[in-house]
PDB file of N, CA and C in Angstrom:
ATOM      1  N   UNK A   1    -204.162 -37.109 -81.165  1.00  0.00           N
ATOM      2  CA  UNK A   1    -203.557 -38.078 -81.707  1.00  0.00           C
ATOM      3  C   UNK A   1    -202.484 -37.103 -82.342  1.00  0.00           C
ATOM      4  N   UNK A   2    -201.272 -37.597 -82.529  1.00  0.00           N
ATOM      5  CA  UNK A   2    -200.017 -37.380 -83.162  1.00  0.00           C
ATOM      6  C   UNK A   2    -199.333 -38.470 -84.031  1.00  0.00           C
ATOM      7  N   UNK A   3    -198.691 -38.178 -84.928  1.00  0.00           N
ATOM      8  CA  UNK A   3    -198.345 -38.581 -86.184  1.00  0.00           C
ATOM      9  C   UNK A   3    -196.698 -38.312 -85.932  1.00  0.00           C
ATOM     10  N   UNK A   4    -195.759 -39.579 -86.134  1.00  0.00           N
ATOM     11  CA  UNK A   4    -194.490 -39.248 -86.459  1.00  0.00           C
ATOM     12  C   UNK A   4    -193.923 -39.920 -87.525  1.00  0.00           C
ATOM     13  N   UNK A   5    -193.425 -39.672 -88.639  1.00  0.00           N
ATOM     14  CA  UNK A   5    -192.892 -40.047 -89.935  1.00  0.00           C
ATOM     15  C   UNK A   5    -191.435 -40.671 -89.676  1.00  0.00           C
ATOM     16  N   UNK A   6    -190.938 -41.697 -89.881  1.00  0.00           N
ATOM     17  CA  UNK A   6    -189.821 -42.635 -89.916  1.00  0.00           C
ATOM     18  C   UNK A   6    -189.733 -43.152 -91.062  1.00  0.00           C
ATOM     19  N   UNK A   7    -187.983 -43.591 -91.378  1.00  0.00           N
ATOM     20  CA  UNK A   7    -187.744 -44.004 -92.205  1.00  0.00           C
ATOM     21  C   UNK A   7    -188.278 -45.510 -92.661  1.00  0.00           C
ATOM     22  N   UNK A   8    -188.914 -46.331 -91.563  1.00  0.00           N
ATOM     23  CA  UNK A   8    -189.543 -47.397 -92.014  1.00  0.00           C
ATOM     24  C   UNK A   8    -190.972 -47.541 -91.604  1.00  0.00           C
ATOM     25  N   UNK A   9    -191.724 -46.156 -91.626  1.00  0.00           N
ATOM     26  CA  UNK A   9    -193.186 -46.182 -91.423  1.00  0.00           C
ATOM     27  C   UNK A   9    -193.731 -45.127 -90.606  1.00  0.00           C
ATOM     28  N   UNK A  10    -194.879 -45.230 -90.231  1.00  0.00           N
ATOM     29  CA  UNK A  10    -195.443 -44.012 -89.130  1.00  0.00           C
ATOM     30  C   UNK A  10    -195.625 -44.458 -87.718  1.00  0.00           C
ATOM     31  N   UNK A  11    -195.459 -43.629 -87.049  1.00  0.00           N
ATOM     32  CA  UNK A  11    -195.456 -43.882 -85.483  1.00  0.00           C
ATOM     33  C   UNK A  11    -196.915 -42.999 -85.406  1.00  0.00           C
ATOM     34  N   UNK A  12    -197.915 -43.639 -84.337  1.00  0.00           N
ATOM     35  CA  UNK A  12    -199.120 -42.976 -84.018  1.00  0.00           C
ATOM     36  C   UNK A  12    -199.189 -43.104 -82.698  1.00  0.00           C
ATOM     37  N   UNK A  13    -199.503 -41.808 -82.042  1.00  0.00           N
ATOM     38  CA  UNK A  13    -199.779 -41.566 -80.439  1.00  0.00           C
ATOM     39  C   UNK A  13    -200.991 -41.346 -80.449  1.00  0.00           C
ATOM     40  N   UNK A  14    -201.989 -41.871 -79.227  1.00  0.00           N
ATOM     41  CA  UNK A  14    -203.271 -41.461 -79.426  1.00  0.00           C
ATOM     42  C   UNK A  14    -203.677 -41.678 -77.822  1.00  0.00           C
ATOM     43  N   UNK A  15    -204.998 -41.082 -77.919  1.00  0.00           N
ATOM     44  CA  UNK A  15    -205.486 -41.318 -76.282  1.00  0.00           C
ATOM     45  C   UNK A  15    -206.845 -41.987 -76.461  1.00  0.00           C
ATOM     46  N   UNK A  16    -206.839 -43.153 -75.621  1.00  0.00           N
ATOM     47  CA  UNK A  16    -208.140 -44.121 -75.922  1.00  0.00           C
ATOM     48  C   UNK A  16    -208.921 -43.473 -74.556  1.00  0.00           C
ATOM     49  N   UNK A  17    -209.840 -43.342 -74.923  1.00  0.00           N
ATOM     50  CA  UNK A  17    -211.015 -42.922 -73.706  1.00  0.00           C
ATOM     51  C   UNK A  17    -211.541 -44.105 -72.999  1.00  0.00           C
ATOM     52  N   UNK A  18    -211.409 -44.117 -71.773  1.00  0.00           N
ATOM     53  CA  UNK A  18    -212.093 -45.237 -70.994  1.00  0.00           C
ATOM     54  C   UNK A  18    -212.999 -44.709 -69.737  1.00  0.00           C
ATOM     55  N   UNK A  19    -214.239 -45.414 -69.648  1.00  0.00           N
ATOM     56  CA  UNK A  19    -215.114 -45.203 -68.599  1.00  0.00           C
ATOM     57  C   UNK A  19    -214.274 -44.549 -67.345  1.00  0.00           C
ATOM     58  N   UNK A  20    -214.975 -43.439 -66.975  1.00  0.00           N
ATOM     59  CA  UNK A  20    -214.492 -43.009 -65.667  1.00  0.00           C
ATOM     60  C   UNK A  20    -215.539 -42.441 -64.310  1.00  0.00           C
ATOM     61  N   UNK A  21    -215.449 -42.357 -63.394  1.00  0.00           N
ATOM     62  CA  UNK A  21    -216.330 -41.976 -62.266  1.00  0.00           C
ATOM     63  C   UNK A  21    -216.757 -40.501 -62.604  1.00  0.00           C
ATOM     64  N   UNK A  22    -218.121 -40.360 -62.852  1.00  0.00           N
ATOM     65  CA  UNK A  22    -218.549 -38.894 -63.135  1.00  0.00           C
ATOM     66  C   UNK A  22    -217.866 -37.899 -62.176  1.00  0.00           C
ATOM     67  N   UNK A  23    -217.554 -37.695 -61.128  1.00  0.00           N
ATOM     68  CA  UNK A  23    -216.701 -36.630 -60.661  1.00  0.00           C
ATOM     69  C   UNK A  23    -215.492 -36.517 -60.945  1.00  0.00           C
ATOM     70  N   UNK A  24    -214.685 -37.527 -61.670  1.00  0.00           N
ATOM     71  CA  UNK A  24    -213.438 -37.251 -62.044  1.00  0.00           C
ATOM     72  C   UNK A  24    -213.323 -37.000 -63.726  1.00  0.00           C
ATOM     73  N   UNK A  25    -214.367 -36.689 -64.060  1.00  0.00           N
ATOM     74  CA  UNK A  25    -214.350 -36.726 -65.212  1.00  0.00           C
ATOM     75  C   UNK A  25    -213.619 -37.603 -66.508  1.00  0.00           C
ATOM     76  N   UNK A  26    -213.575 -37.553 -67.629  1.00  0.00           N
ATOM     77  CA  UNK A  26    -212.890 -38.516 -68.659  1.00  0.00           C
ATOM     78  C   UNK A  26    -211.733 -38.857 -68.321  1.00  0.00           C
ATOM     79  N   UNK A  27    -211.301 -39.935 -68.644  1.00  0.00           N
ATOM     80  CA  UNK A  27    -209.976 -40.722 -68.406  1.00  0.00           C
ATOM     81  C   UNK A  27    -209.466 -41.176 -69.679  1.00  0.00           C
ATOM     82  N   UNK A  28    -208.370 -41.399 -69.618  1.00  0.00           N
ATOM     83  CA  UNK A  28    -207.833 -41.688 -71.307  1.00  0.00           C
ATOM     84  C   UNK A  28    -206.373 -42.454 -70.581  1.00  0.00           C
ATOM     85  N   UNK A  29    -206.207 -43.445 -71.722  1.00  0.00           N
ATOM     86  CA  UNK A  29    -204.999 -44.418 -71.879  1.00  0.00           C
ATOM     87  C   UNK A  29    -204.228 -43.680 -72.802  1.00  0.00           C
ATOM     88  N   UNK A  30    -202.951 -43.351 -72.809  1.00  0.00           N
ATOM     89  CA  UNK A  30    -202.194 -43.062 -73.701  1.00  0.00           C
ATOM     90  C   UNK A  30    -201.415 -44.405 -74.643  1.00  0.00           C
ATOM     91  N   UNK A  31    -201.427 -44.401 -75.893  1.00  0.00           N
ATOM     92  CA  UNK A  31    -201.072 -45.691 -76.482  1.00  0.00           C
ATOM     93  C   UNK A  31    -200.274 -45.121 -77.715  1.00  0.00           C
ATOM     94  N   UNK A  32    -199.272 -46.194 -78.304  1.00  0.00           N
ATOM     95  CA  UNK A  32    -198.419 -45.861 -79.411  1.00  0.00           C
ATOM     96  C   UNK A  32    -198.664 -47.108 -80.324  1.00  0.00           C
ATOM     97  N   UNK A  33    -198.894 -46.883 -81.563  1.00  0.00           N
ATOM     98  CA  UNK A  33    -199.116 -47.932 -82.593  1.00  0.00           C
ATOM     99  C   UNK A  33    -197.971 -47.594 -84.006  1.00  0.00           C
ATOM    100  N   UNK A  34    -197.859 -48.598 -84.682  1.00  0.00           N
ATOM    101  CA  UNK A  34    -197.146 -48.417 -85.901  1.00  0.00           C
ATOM    102  C   UNK A  34    -197.963 -48.944 -87.158  1.00  0.00           C
ATOM    103  N   UNK A  35    -197.568 -48.019 -88.252  1.00  0.00           N
ATOM    104  CA  UNK A  35    -198.291 -48.303 -89.301  1.00  0.00           C
ATOM    105  C   UNK A  35    -196.974 -48.387 -90.386  1.00  0.00           C
ATOM    106  N   UNK A  36    -196.641 -49.714 -90.707  1.00  0.00           N
ATOM    107  CA  UNK A  36    -195.385 -50.049 -91.775  1.00  0.00           C
ATOM    108  C   UNK A  36    -195.677 -49.405 -93.316  1.00  0.00           C
ATOM    109  N   UNK A  37    -196.928 -49.238 -93.625  1.00  0.00           N
ATOM    110  CA  UNK A  37    -197.172 -48.932 -95.014  1.00  0.00           C
ATOM    111  C   UNK A  37    -198.352 -49.589 -95.805  1.00  0.00           C
ATOM    112  N   UNK A  38    -198.691 -49.409 -96.754  1.00  0.00           N
ATOM    113  CA  UNK A  38    -199.647 -50.009 -97.279  1.00  0.00           C
ATOM    114  C   UNK A  38    -199.548 -51.672 -97.503  1.00  0.00           C
ATOM    115  N   UNK A  39    -198.742 -52.371 -97.498  1.00  0.00           N
ATOM    116  CA  UNK A  39    -198.526 -53.998 -97.333  1.00  0.00           C
ATOM    117  C   UNK A  39    -198.378 -54.249 -96.090  1.00  0.00           C
ATOM    118  N   UNK A  40    -198.806 -53.257 -95.164  1.00  0.00           N
ATOM    119  CA  UNK A  40    -198.119 -54.362 -93.987  1.00  0.00           C
ATOM    120  C   UNK A  40    -199.395 -53.581 -92.936  1.00  0.00           C
ATOM    121  N   UNK A  41    -199.696 -54.394 -91.611  1.00  0.00           N
ATOM    122  CA  UNK A  41    -200.853 -54.460 -90.796  1.00  0.00           C
ATOM    123  C   UNK A  41    -200.583 -53.270 -89.852  1.00  0.00           C
ATOM    124  N   UNK A  42    -201.485 -52.254 -89.582  1.00  0.00           N
ATOM    125  CA  UNK A  42    -200.976 -51.478 -88.478  1.00  0.00           C
ATOM    126  C   UNK A  42    -201.166 -52.362 -87.086  1.00  0.00           C
ATOM    127  N   UNK A  43    -200.105 -51.840 -86.257  1.00  0.00           N
ATOM    128  CA  UNK A  43    -199.899 -52.747 -84.736  1.00  0.00           C
ATOM    129  C   UNK A  43    -199.948 -51.712 -83.835  1.00  0.00           C
ATOM    130  N   UNK A  44    -200.075 -52.549 -82.666  1.00  0.00           N
ATOM    131  CA  UNK A  44    -200.152 -51.821 -81.442  1.00  0.00           C
ATOM    132  C   UNK A  44    -198.857 -52.073 -80.984  1.00  0.00           C
ATOM    133  N   UNK A  45    -198.445 -50.827 -80.446  1.00  0.00           N
ATOM    134  CA  UNK A  45    -196.787 -50.996 -79.887  1.00  0.00           C
ATOM    135  C   UNK A  45    -196.694 -51.111 -77.971  1.00  0.00           C
ATOM    136  N   UNK A  46    -197.220 -50.073 -77.613  1.00  0.00           N
ATOM    137  CA  UNK A  46    -197.340 -50.394 -76.159  1.00  0.00           C
ATOM    138  C   UNK A  46    -198.218 -49.160 -75.785  1.00  0.00           C
ATOM    139  N   UNK A  47    -198.300 -48.823 -74.290  1.00  0.00           N
ATOM    140  CA  UNK A  47    -199.269 -48.142 -73.555  1.00  0.00           C
ATOM    141  C   UNK A  47    -198.377 -47.293 -72.681  1.00  0.00           C
ATOM    142  N   UNK A  48    -198.439 -46.099 -72.403  1.00  0.00           N
ATOM    143  CA  UNK A  48    -197.701 -45.147 -71.462  1.00  0.00           C
ATOM    144  C   UNK A  48    -197.912 -45.120 -70.166  1.00  0.00           C
ATOM    145  N   UNK A  49    -196.849 -45.779 -69.308  1.00  0.00           N
ATOM    146  CA  UNK A  49    -196.791 -45.397 -67.883  1.00  0.00           C
ATOM    147  C   UNK A  49    -195.825 -44.216 -67.563  1.00  0.00           C
ATOM    148  N   UNK A  50    -196.503 -43.094 -66.825  1.00  0.00           N
ATOM    149  CA  UNK A  50    -195.517 -42.446 -66.069  1.00  0.00           C
ATOM    150  C   UNK A  50    -194.939 -42.932 -65.010  1.00  0.00           C
ATOM    151  N   UNK A  51    -193.566 -42.692 -64.861  1.00  0.00           N
ATOM    152  CA  UNK A  51    -192.847 -43.045 -63.627  1.00  0.00           C
ATOM    153  C   UNK A  51    -192.214 -41.611 -62.947  1.00  0.00           C
ATOM    154  N   UNK A  52    -192.895 -41.456 -61.687  1.00  0.00           N
ATOM    155  CA  UNK A  52    -191.945 -40.463 -60.732  1.00  0.00           C
ATOM    156  C   UNK A  52    -191.379 -40.771 -59.803  1.00  0.00           C
ATOM    157  N   UNK A  53    -190.345 -40.441 -59.197  1.00  0.00           N
ATOM    158  CA  UNK A  53    -189.857 -40.282 -57.942  1.00  0.00           C
ATOM    159  C   UNK A  53    -190.403 -39.628 -56.809  1.00  0.00           C
ATOM    160  N   UNK A  54    -190.840 -40.053 -55.981  1.00  0.00           N
ATOM    161  CA  UNK A  54    -191.345 -39.265 -54.659  1.00  0.00           C
ATOM    162  C   UNK A  54    -190.227 -38.730 -53.775  1.00  0.00           C
ATOM    163  N   UNK A  55    -190.813 -38.172 -52.779  1.00  0.00           N
ATOM    164  CA  UNK A  55    -190.187 -37.665 -51.956  1.00  0.00           C
ATOM    165  C   UNK A  55    -188.856 -38.354 -50.953  1.00  0.00           C
ATOM    166  N   UNK A  56    -189.482 -39.685 -50.890  1.00  0.00           N
ATOM    167  CA  UNK A  56    -188.702 -40.780 -50.070  1.00  0.00           C
ATOM    168  C   UNK A  56    -187.616 -41.412 -50.879  1.00  0.00           C
ATOM    169  N   UNK A  57    -187.719 -41.272 -52.183  1.00  0.00           N
ATOM    170  CA  UNK A  57    -186.639 -41.798 -53.189  1.00  0.00           C
ATOM    171  C   UNK A  57    -187.578 -43.084 -53.955  1.00  0.00           C
ATOM    172  N   UNK A  58    -188.702 -43.211 -53.408  1.00  0.00           N
ATOM    173  CA  UNK A  58    -189.579 -44.333 -54.049  1.00  0.00           C
ATOM    174  C   UNK A  58    -189.683 -43.854 -55.248  1.00  0.00           C
ATOM    175  N   UNK A  59    -190.783 -44.704 -56.081  1.00  0.00           N
ATOM    176  CA  UNK A  59    -191.196 -44.777 -57.414  1.00  0.00           C
ATOM    177  C   UNK A  59    -192.555 -44.932 -57.413  1.00  0.00           C
ATOM    178  N   UNK A  60    -193.566 -43.861 -58.164  1.00  0.00           N
ATOM    179  CA  UNK A  60    -194.908 -44.177 -58.266  1.00  0.00           C
ATOM    180  C   UNK A  60    -195.275 -43.945 -60.056  1.00  0.00           C
ATOM    181  N   UNK A  61    -196.355 -44.795 -60.253  1.00  0.00           N
ATOM    182  CA  UNK A  61    -196.612 -45.140 -61.687  1.00  0.00           C
ATOM    183  C   UNK A  61    -197.970 -44.927 -61.935  1.00  0.00           C
ATOM    184  N   UNK A  62    -198.018 -44.366 -63.115  1.00  0.00           N
ATOM    185  CA  UNK A  62    -199.635 -43.842 -63.432  1.00  0.00           C
ATOM    186  C   UNK A  62    -199.905 -44.316 -65.081  1.00  0.00           C
ATOM    187  N   UNK A  63    -200.907 -44.937 -65.120  1.00  0.00           N
ATOM    188  CA  UNK A  63    -201.499 -45.104 -66.664  1.00  0.00           C
ATOM    189  C   UNK A  63    -202.554 -44.667 -67.059  1.00  0.00           C
ATOM    190  N   UNK A  64    -203.202 -44.356 -66.210  1.00  0.00           N
ATOM    191  CA  UNK A  64    -204.329 -43.446 -66.489  1.00  0.00           C
ATOM    192  C   UNK A  64    -204.268 -41.920 -66.494  1.00  0.00           C
ATOM    193  N   UNK A  65    -204.766 -41.185 -67.408  1.00  0.00           N
ATOM    194  CA  UNK A  65    -204.551 -39.604 -67.579  1.00  0.00           C
ATOM    195  C   UNK A  65    -205.766 -39.090 -67.541  1.00  0.00           C
ATOM    196  N   UNK A  66    -205.871 -37.853 -67.594  1.00  0.00           N
ATOM    197  CA  UNK A  66    -207.321 -36.909 -67.851  1.00  0.00           C
ATOM    198  C   UNK A  66    -207.029 -36.145 -69.048  1.00  0.00           C
ATOM    199  N   UNK A  67    -208.149 -35.497 -69.308  1.00  0.00           N
ATOM    200  CA  UNK A  67    -208.029 -35.004 -70.774  1.00  0.00           C
ATOM    201  C   UNK A  67    -206.905 -33.445 -70.765  1.00  0.00           C
ATOM    202  N   UNK A  68    -206.714 -33.276 -69.815  1.00  0.00           N
ATOM    203  CA  UNK A  68    -205.564 -32.043 -69.521  1.00  0.00           C
ATOM    204  C   UNK A  68    -204.257 -32.541 -69.885  1.00  0.00           C
ATOM    205  N   UNK A  69    -203.753 -33.711 -69.302  1.00  0.00           N
ATOM    206  CA  UNK A  69    -202.429 -34.331 -69.630  1.00  0.00           C
ATOM    207  C   UNK A  69    -202.495 -34.501 -71.008  1.00  0.00           C
ATOM    208  N   UNK A  70    -201.121 -33.768 -71.571  1.00  0.00           N
ATOM    209  CA  UNK A  70    -200.418 -33.766 -73.031  1.00  0.00           C
ATOM    210  C   UNK A  70    -200.188 -35.026 -73.367  1.00  0.00           C
ATOM    211  N   UNK A  71    -200.450 -35.195 -74.826  1.00  0.00           N
ATOM    212  CA  UNK A  71    -200.104 -36.713 -75.076  1.00  0.00           C
ATOM    213  C   UNK A  71    -198.495 -36.444 -76.019  1.00  0.00           C
ATOM    214  N   UNK A  72    -197.730 -36.671 -75.309  1.00  0.00           N
ATOM    215  CA  UNK A  72    -196.244 -36.351 -75.902  1.00  0.00           C
ATOM    216  C   UNK A  72    -195.616 -37.963 -76.275  1.00  0.00           C
ATOM    217  N   UNK A  73    -194.377 -37.616 -77.237  1.00  0.00           N
ATOM    218  CA  UNK A  73    -194.001 -38.904 -77.453  1.00  0.00           C
ATOM    219  C   UNK A  73    -193.275 -39.801 -76.017  1.00  0.00           C
ATOM    220  N   UNK A  74    -193.477 -41.321 -76.409  1.00  0.00           N
ATOM    221  CA  UNK A  74    -192.925 -41.773 -75.426  1.00  0.00           C
ATOM    222  C   UNK A  74    -192.155 -43.303 -76.170  1.00  0.00           C
ATOM    223  N   UNK A  75    -191.412 -43.685 -75.229  1.00  0.00           N
ATOM    224  CA  UNK A  75    -190.627 -44.890 -75.691  1.00  0.00           C
ATOM    225  C   UNK A  75    -190.760 -45.940 -74.804  1.00  0.00           C
ATOM    226  N   UNK A  76    -191.493 -46.955 -75.225  1.00  0.00           N
ATOM    227  CA  UNK A  76    -191.777 -48.241 -74.179  1.00  0.00           C
ATOM    228  C   UNK A  76    -191.740 -49.216 -74.903  1.00  0.00           C
TER     229      UNK A  76
END
């Protein structure tokens, strides 16, 4: 989990473990949530989807990550 303080509240980044095939090990979805303070609710903001360009110029997307994948800041 990672936390970033902003002028309007706290942004929370986390890894949510999901069931995986035993041979591939634990899998995770990276998410972003927001906490506006003591008088507001915690709110889900988004899931992270990695976008990569392949050799042919097309794009591939990934939303399920491994334990080794770093949890970094993302805007979505």
